[in-house]
Amino acid sequence: MKKKFWEYILENFTIDNNGRKIIYNIIDWVWMQSMDKEDSVNTLDFLLDGIGIKKEEIEQFIDWN
């Protein structure tokens, strides 16, 4: 799901190269943490707020089952 989330961001948001590096590192970091789904979504929502992504968009890619 991490790859699909990254592809979704690239397809739906305008981000320069520096922003891409930062966002990819944020996503990678969140995926390595031992947080539950709610905390992961809230963290991504907070850290990616500047690109205009909505919480509902993030939730569809976080599946910690």
PDB file of N, CA and C in Angstrom:
ATOM      1  N   MET A   1       0.809  -1.208   0.000  1.00  0.00           N
ATOM      2  CA  MET A   1       0.000   0.000   0.000  1.00  0.00           C
ATOM      3  C   MET A   1       0.851   1.271   0.000  1.00  0.00           C
ATOM      4  N   LYS A   2       2.068   1.175   0.531  1.00  0.00           N
ATOM      5  CA  LYS A   2       2.932   2.354   0.554  1.00  0.00           C
ATOM      6  C   LYS A   2       3.211   2.836  -0.865  1.00  0.00           C
ATOM      7  N   LYS A   3       3.496   1.905  -1.761  1.00  0.00           N
ATOM      8  CA  LYS A   3       3.792   2.279  -3.147  1.00  0.00           C
ATOM      9  C   LYS A   3       2.571   2.915  -3.808  1.00  0.00           C
ATOM     10  N   LYS A   4       1.393   2.352  -3.561  1.00  0.00           N
ATOM     11  CA  LYS A   4       0.164   2.909  -4.141  1.00  0.00           C
ATOM     12  C   LYS A   4      -0.111   4.312  -3.591  1.00  0.00           C
ATOM     13  N   PHE A   5       0.150   4.498  -2.311  1.00  0.00           N
ATOM     14  CA  PHE A   5      -0.046   5.813  -1.696  1.00  0.00           C
ATOM     15  C   PHE A   5       0.901   6.833  -2.327  1.00  0.00           C
ATOM     16  N   TRP A   6       2.155   6.449  -2.503  1.00  0.00           N
ATOM     17  CA  TRP A   6       3.146   7.328  -3.120  1.00  0.00           C
ATOM     18  C   TRP A   6       2.726   7.676  -4.546  1.00  0.00           C
ATOM     19  N   GLU A   7       2.302   6.686  -5.316  1.00  0.00           N
ATOM     20  CA  GLU A   7       1.859   6.929  -6.694  1.00  0.00           C
ATOM     21  C   GLU A   7       0.640   7.848  -6.728  1.00  0.00           C
ATOM     22  N   TYR A   8      -0.279   7.660  -5.778  1.00  0.00           N
ATOM     23  CA  TYR A   8      -1.462   8.512  -5.688  1.00  0.00           C
ATOM     24  C   TYR A   8      -1.058   9.971  -5.467  1.00  0.00           C
ATOM     25  N   ILE A   9      -0.116  10.191  -4.578  1.00  0.00           N
ATOM     26  CA  ILE A   9       0.347  11.553  -4.304  1.00  0.00           C
ATOM     27  C   ILE A   9       0.971  12.164  -5.552  1.00  0.00           C
ATOM     28  N   LEU A  10       1.821  11.404  -6.228  1.00  0.00           N
ATOM     29  CA  LEU A  10       2.478  11.924  -7.431  1.00  0.00           C
ATOM     30  C   LEU A  10       1.480  12.253  -8.533  1.00  0.00           C
ATOM     31  N   GLU A  11       0.430  11.454  -8.656  1.00  0.00           N
ATOM     32  CA  GLU A  11      -0.564  11.651  -9.713  1.00  0.00           C
ATOM     33  C   GLU A  11      -1.540  12.787  -9.414  1.00  0.00           C
ATOM     34  N   ASN A  12      -1.766  13.086  -8.144  1.00  0.00           N
ATOM     35  CA  ASN A  12      -2.836  14.011  -7.781  1.00  0.00           C
ATOM     36  C   ASN A  12      -2.396  15.338  -7.172  1.00  0.00           C
ATOM     37  N   PHE A  13      -1.100  15.496  -6.929  1.00  0.00           N
ATOM     38  CA  PHE A  13      -0.613  16.718  -6.306  1.00  0.00           C
ATOM     39  C   PHE A  13       0.623  17.216  -7.044  1.00  0.00           C
ATOM     40  N   THR A  14       0.764  18.526  -7.128  1.00  0.00           N
ATOM     41  CA  THR A  14       1.925  19.128  -7.778  1.00  0.00           C
ATOM     42  C   THR A  14       3.002  19.363  -6.727  1.00  0.00           C
ATOM     43  N   ILE A  15       4.111  18.636  -6.871  1.00  0.00           N
ATOM     44  CA  ILE A  15       5.180  18.688  -5.879  1.00  0.00           C
ATOM     45  C   ILE A  15       6.518  18.771  -6.608  1.00  0.00           C
ATOM     46  N   ASP A  16       7.383  19.689  -6.172  1.00  0.00           N
ATOM     47  CA  ASP A  16       8.708  19.787  -6.792  1.00  0.00           C
ATOM     48  C   ASP A  16       9.617  18.659  -6.283  1.00  0.00           C
ATOM     49  N   ASN A  17      10.818  18.569  -6.836  1.00  0.00           N
ATOM     50  CA  ASN A  17      11.722  17.464  -6.492  1.00  0.00           C
ATOM     51  C   ASN A  17      12.100  17.434  -5.018  1.00  0.00           C
ATOM     52  N   ASN A  18      12.365  18.585  -4.429  1.00  0.00           N
ATOM     53  CA  ASN A  18      12.698  18.619  -3.007  1.00  0.00           C
ATOM     54  C   ASN A  18      11.520  18.159  -2.160  1.00  0.00           C
ATOM     55  N   GLY A  19      10.330  18.597  -2.530  1.00  0.00           N
ATOM     56  CA  GLY A  19       9.128  18.164  -1.830  1.00  0.00           C
ATOM     57  C   GLY A  19       8.908  16.669  -1.950  1.00  0.00           C
ATOM     58  N   ARG A  20       9.184  16.129  -3.118  1.00  0.00           N
ATOM     59  CA  ARG A  20       9.038  14.678  -3.324  1.00  0.00           C
ATOM     60  C   ARG A  20       9.949  13.897  -2.387  1.00  0.00           C
ATOM     61  N   LYS A  21      11.164  14.350  -2.244  1.00  0.00           N
ATOM     62  CA  LYS A  21      12.112  13.666  -1.356  1.00  0.00           C
ATOM     63  C   LYS A  21      11.617  13.693   0.086  1.00  0.00           C
ATOM     64  N   ILE A  22      11.164  14.854   0.511  1.00  0.00           N
ATOM     65  CA  ILE A  22      10.685  14.995   1.887  1.00  0.00           C
ATOM     66  C   ILE A  22       9.443  14.138   2.112  1.00  0.00           C
ATOM     67  N   ILE A  23       8.498  14.197   1.198  1.00  0.00           N
ATOM     68  CA  ILE A  23       7.254  13.440   1.344  1.00  0.00           C
ATOM     69  C   ILE A  23       7.528  11.942   1.326  1.00  0.00           C
ATOM     70  N   TYR A  24       8.410  11.494   0.440  1.00  0.00           N
ATOM     71  CA  TYR A  24       8.736  10.067   0.406  1.00  0.00           C
ATOM     72  C   TYR A  24       9.349   9.633   1.739  1.00  0.00           C
ATOM     73  N   ASN A  25      10.225  10.454   2.292  1.00  0.00           N
ATOM     74  CA  ASN A  25      10.835  10.124   3.584  1.00  0.00           C
ATOM     75  C   ASN A  25       9.804  10.100   4.704  1.00  0.00           C
ATOM     76  N   ILE A  26       8.841  11.001   4.665  1.00  0.00           N
ATOM     77  CA  ILE A  26       7.764  11.005   5.662  1.00  0.00           C
ATOM     78  C   ILE A  26       6.965   9.710   5.569  1.00  0.00           C
ATOM     79  N   ILE A  27       6.571   9.341   4.362  1.00  0.00           N
ATOM     80  CA  ILE A  27       5.792   8.113   4.168  1.00  0.00           C
ATOM     81  C   ILE A  27       6.592   6.906   4.640  1.00  0.00           C
ATOM     82  N   ASP A  28       7.846   6.840   4.252  1.00  0.00           N
ATOM     83  CA  ASP A  28       8.707   5.728   4.642  1.00  0.00           C
ATOM     84  C   ASP A  28       8.825   5.650   6.160  1.00  0.00           C
ATOM     85  N   TRP A  29       9.001   6.793   6.806  1.00  0.00           N
ATOM     86  CA  TRP A  29       9.126   6.826   8.261  1.00  0.00           C
ATOM     87  C   TRP A  29       7.852   6.323   8.939  1.00  0.00           C
ATOM     88  N   VAL A  30       6.695   6.785   8.470  1.00  0.00           N
ATOM     89  CA  VAL A  30       5.427   6.368   9.079  1.00  0.00           C
ATOM     90  C   VAL A  30       5.237   4.865   8.921  1.00  0.00           C
ATOM     91  N   TRP A  31       5.586   4.319   7.761  1.00  0.00           N
ATOM     92  CA  TRP A  31       5.416   2.881   7.528  1.00  0.00           C
ATOM     93  C   TRP A  31       6.312   2.047   8.438  1.00  0.00           C
ATOM     94  N   MET A  32       7.418   2.602   8.919  1.00  0.00           N
ATOM     95  CA  MET A  32       8.339   1.858   9.787  1.00  0.00           C
ATOM     96  C   MET A  32       7.966   1.953  11.267  1.00  0.00           C
ATOM     97  N   GLN A  33       7.062   2.840  11.617  1.00  0.00           N
ATOM     98  CA  GLN A  33       6.689   3.039  13.012  1.00  0.00           C
ATOM     99  C   GLN A  33       5.662   1.998  13.451  1.00  0.00           C
ATOM    100  N   SER A  34       5.647   1.733  14.740  1.00  0.00           N
ATOM    101  CA  SER A  34       4.672   0.779  15.273  1.00  0.00           C
ATOM    102  C   SER A  34       3.474   1.542  15.851  1.00  0.00           C
ATOM    103  N   MET A  35       2.769   2.232  14.945  1.00  0.00           N
ATOM    104  CA  MET A  35       1.573   2.979  15.335  1.00  0.00           C
ATOM    105  C   MET A  35       0.349   2.247  14.794  1.00  0.00           C
ATOM    106  N   ASP A  36      -0.776   2.449  15.445  1.00  0.00           N
ATOM    107  CA  ASP A  36      -2.002   1.870  14.905  1.00  0.00           C
ATOM    108  C   ASP A  36      -2.488   2.721  13.731  1.00  0.00           C
ATOM    109  N   LYS A  37      -3.569   2.270  13.103  1.00  0.00           N
ATOM    110  CA  LYS A  37      -4.064   2.953  11.904  1.00  0.00           C
ATOM    111  C   LYS A  37      -4.412   4.409  12.195  1.00  0.00           C
ATOM    112  N   GLU A  38      -5.116   4.651  13.281  1.00  0.00           N
ATOM    113  CA  GLU A  38      -5.552   6.014  13.599  1.00  0.00           C
ATOM    114  C   GLU A  38      -4.361   6.956  13.781  1.00  0.00           C
ATOM    115  N   ASP A  39      -3.357   6.502  14.523  1.00  0.00           N
ATOM    116  CA  ASP A  39      -2.174   7.342  14.735  1.00  0.00           C
ATOM    117  C   ASP A  39      -1.407   7.563  13.435  1.00  0.00           C
ATOM    118  N   SER A  40      -1.331   6.538  12.605  1.00  0.00           N
ATOM    119  CA  SER A  40      -0.640   6.670  11.315  1.00  0.00           C
ATOM    120  C   SER A  40      -1.344   7.684  10.424  1.00  0.00           C
ATOM    121  N   VAL A  41      -2.660   7.586  10.356  1.00  0.00           N
ATOM    122  CA  VAL A  41      -3.440   8.516   9.536  1.00  0.00           C
ATOM    123  C   VAL A  41      -3.299   9.937  10.070  1.00  0.00           C
ATOM    124  N   ASN A  42      -3.413  10.100  11.381  1.00  0.00           N
ATOM    125  CA  ASN A  42      -3.296  11.435  11.973  1.00  0.00           C
ATOM    126  C   ASN A  42      -1.908  12.035  11.751  1.00  0.00           C
ATOM    127  N   THR A  43      -0.879  11.217  11.859  1.00  0.00           N
ATOM    128  CA  THR A  43       0.486  11.693  11.632  1.00  0.00           C
ATOM    129  C   THR A  43       0.667  12.143  10.190  1.00  0.00           C
ATOM    130  N   LEU A  44       0.237  11.310   9.242  1.00  0.00           N
ATOM    131  CA  LEU A  44       0.348  11.675   7.828  1.00  0.00           C
ATOM    132  C   LEU A  44      -0.492  12.906   7.511  1.00  0.00           C
ATOM    133  N   ASP A  45      -1.677  12.981   8.094  1.00  0.00           N
ATOM    134  CA  ASP A  45      -2.545  14.138   7.874  1.00  0.00           C
ATOM    135  C   ASP A  45      -1.851  15.418   8.346  1.00  0.00           C
ATOM    136  N   PHE A  46      -1.221  15.360   9.500  1.00  0.00           N
ATOM    137  CA  PHE A  46      -0.527  16.528  10.043  1.00  0.00           C
ATOM    138  C   PHE A  46       0.702  16.892   9.203  1.00  0.00           C
ATOM    139  N   LEU A  47       1.525  15.896   8.872  1.00  0.00           N
ATOM    140  CA  LEU A  47       2.783  16.165   8.174  1.00  0.00           C
ATOM    141  C   LEU A  47       2.596  16.496   6.693  1.00  0.00           C
ATOM    142  N   LEU A  48       1.516  16.003   6.086  1.00  0.00           N
ATOM    143  CA  LEU A  48       1.283  16.250   4.661  1.00  0.00           C
ATOM    144  C   LEU A  48       0.214  17.308   4.416  1.00  0.00           C
ATOM    145  N   ASP A  49      -0.185  18.004   5.455  1.00  0.00           N
ATOM    146  CA  ASP A  49      -1.233  19.012   5.346  1.00  0.00           C
ATOM    147  C   ASP A  49      -0.932  20.054   4.276  1.00  0.00           C
ATOM    148  N   GLY A  50       0.314  20.405   4.104  1.00  0.00           N
ATOM    149  CA  GLY A  50       0.703  21.455   3.172  1.00  0.00           C
ATOM    150  C   GLY A  50       0.446  21.154   1.706  1.00  0.00           C
ATOM    151  N   ILE A  51       0.284  19.868   1.343  1.00  0.00           N
ATOM    152  CA  ILE A  51       0.044  19.552  -0.072  1.00  0.00           C
ATOM    153  C   ILE A  51      -1.443  19.528  -0.404  1.00  0.00           C
ATOM    154  N   GLY A  52      -2.292  19.595   0.616  1.00  0.00           N
ATOM    155  CA  GLY A  52      -3.725  19.643   0.377  1.00  0.00           C
ATOM    156  C   GLY A  52      -4.427  18.298   0.413  1.00  0.00           C
ATOM    157  N   ILE A  53      -3.738  17.263   0.873  1.00  0.00           N
ATOM    158  CA  ILE A  53      -4.362  15.939   0.949  1.00  0.00           C
ATOM    159  C   ILE A  53      -5.332  15.905   2.124  1.00  0.00           C
ATOM    160  N   LYS A  54      -6.428  15.194   1.953  1.00  0.00           N
ATOM    161  CA  LYS A  54      -7.455  15.089   2.990  1.00  0.00           C
ATOM    162  C   LYS A  54      -7.290  13.778   3.761  1.00  0.00           C
ATOM    163  N   LYS A  55      -7.753  13.797   4.992  1.00  0.00           N
ATOM    164  CA  LYS A  55      -7.655  12.627   5.860  1.00  0.00           C
ATOM    165  C   LYS A  55      -8.308  11.400   5.216  1.00  0.00           C
ATOM    166  N   GLU A  56      -9.430  11.604   4.558  1.00  0.00           N
ATOM    167  CA  GLU A  56     -10.146  10.495   3.921  1.00  0.00           C
ATOM    168  C   GLU A  56      -9.310   9.862   2.809  1.00  0.00           C
ATOM    169  N   GLU A  57      -8.533  10.680   2.119  1.00  0.00           N
ATOM    170  CA  GLU A  57      -7.661  10.159   1.066  1.00  0.00           C
ATOM    171  C   GLU A  57      -6.559   9.289   1.671  1.00  0.00           C
ATOM    172  N   ILE A  58      -6.022   9.717   2.781  1.00  0.00           N
ATOM    173  CA  ILE A  58      -4.958   8.960   3.447  1.00  0.00           C
ATOM    174  C   ILE A  58      -5.493   7.637   3.968  1.00  0.00           C
ATOM    175  N   GLU A  59      -6.671   7.658   4.578  1.00  0.00           N
ATOM    176  CA  GLU A  59      -7.243   6.460   5.196  1.00  0.00           C
ATOM    177  C   GLU A  59      -7.380   5.291   4.231  1.00  0.00           C
ATOM    178  N   GLN A  60      -7.634   5.570   2.968  1.00  0.00           N
ATOM    179  CA  GLN A  60      -7.829   4.472   2.023  1.00  0.00           C
ATOM    180  C   GLN A  60      -6.535   3.698   1.740  1.00  0.00           C
ATOM    181  N   PHE A  61      -5.390   4.255   2.116  1.00  0.00           N
ATOM    182  CA  PHE A  61      -4.112   3.591   1.861  1.00  0.00           C
ATOM    183  C   PHE A  61      -3.479   2.986   3.112  1.00  0.00           C
ATOM    184  N   ILE A  62      -4.066   3.225   4.269  1.00  0.00           N
ATOM    185  CA  ILE A  62      -3.516   2.691   5.513  1.00  0.00           C
ATOM    186  C   ILE A  62      -4.344   1.483   5.916  1.00  0.00           C
ATOM    187  N   ASP A  63      -3.726   0.319   5.879  1.00  0.00           N
ATOM    188  CA  ASP A  63      -4.420  -0.928   6.210  1.00  0.00           C
ATOM    189  C   ASP A  63      -3.514  -1.760   7.102  1.00  0.00           C
ATOM    190  N   TRP A  64      -3.565  -1.500   8.387  1.00  0.00           N
ATOM    191  CA  TRP A  64      -2.683  -2.204   9.326  1.00  0.00           C
ATOM    192  C   TRP A  64      -3.381  -3.416   9.910  1.00  0.00           C
ATOM    193  N   ASN A  65      -3.763  -4.365   9.113  1.00  0.00           N
ATOM    194  CA  ASN A  65      -4.399  -5.603   9.618  1.00  0.00           C
ATOM    195  C   ASN A  65      -3.401  -6.702   9.778  1.00  0.00           C
TER     196      ASN A  65
END
